[in-house]
């Protein structure tokens, strides 16, 4: 492809469409001359169809979930994983990616990517087909665990609705129990509190045995509804959704 041909609008659109959602300057140099590559980058950035993130360029119109996991190098969780698994219908403006590294949020015109650092719990995800590629997505038990471990990013309303649509199987409760056994005490209490009324008796009793009768934990902050059984404050009383949805 010559510099002159890139001046043709049709060819520019076709050339742009053939690029991956995330590409580098070298992708262009493999196809066009240096001057043409520079002019295309300037044009696309001016028209806001690409965004520069570090050393790569990202198509603004690309698949946001694929882009998010590739840029952050992690797996989808929280409400984003619910959406990909068909357990949440509302399109999201924030996409949550669990990673082992400390990274900054990335803002695009129509959505933002929120990295959630969980270096000790990079487990519990599966590969799911997405358009022409695949993405790593947390299992439903791991979504529940991640929300309880990081309630700041949790959407418990959507979680309870998802559990009504797709109750956890015995194997999935056992999977969640394995995560809970590795978790800090505050996370274990949150899991017990959030799942009580949904979980089988053996699961709840197992967590109760691991919950000492001392100390106090919080779902969000130290105020509001206090659950004596789990020694937990819930300032937003999220359990009001457990039967309403």
Foldseek 3Di string as FASTA:
>chain_A
DELVVCVDPVVVVVVVVPDDQKAALVVVVVPYPPVSSVVSVVVCVVVQQWDDDPRIIGGLPDDVQVVLCVVQVFAWAAVLLCVVVVLDPDDDQETEGEDQDDDDKADGPRHIYHYDHDNPPRDAWDWDDDVPRIGIGHDLLVNLLVCLQPVVRHDLLSNLSSCVVPPDDPVSLVVNLVVLVVDDLSSLLSSLVSCVVRDDPVSNVVSLVVQDQDDAHESPDPDDDADNSSNYHYNVPSCVSNPVD
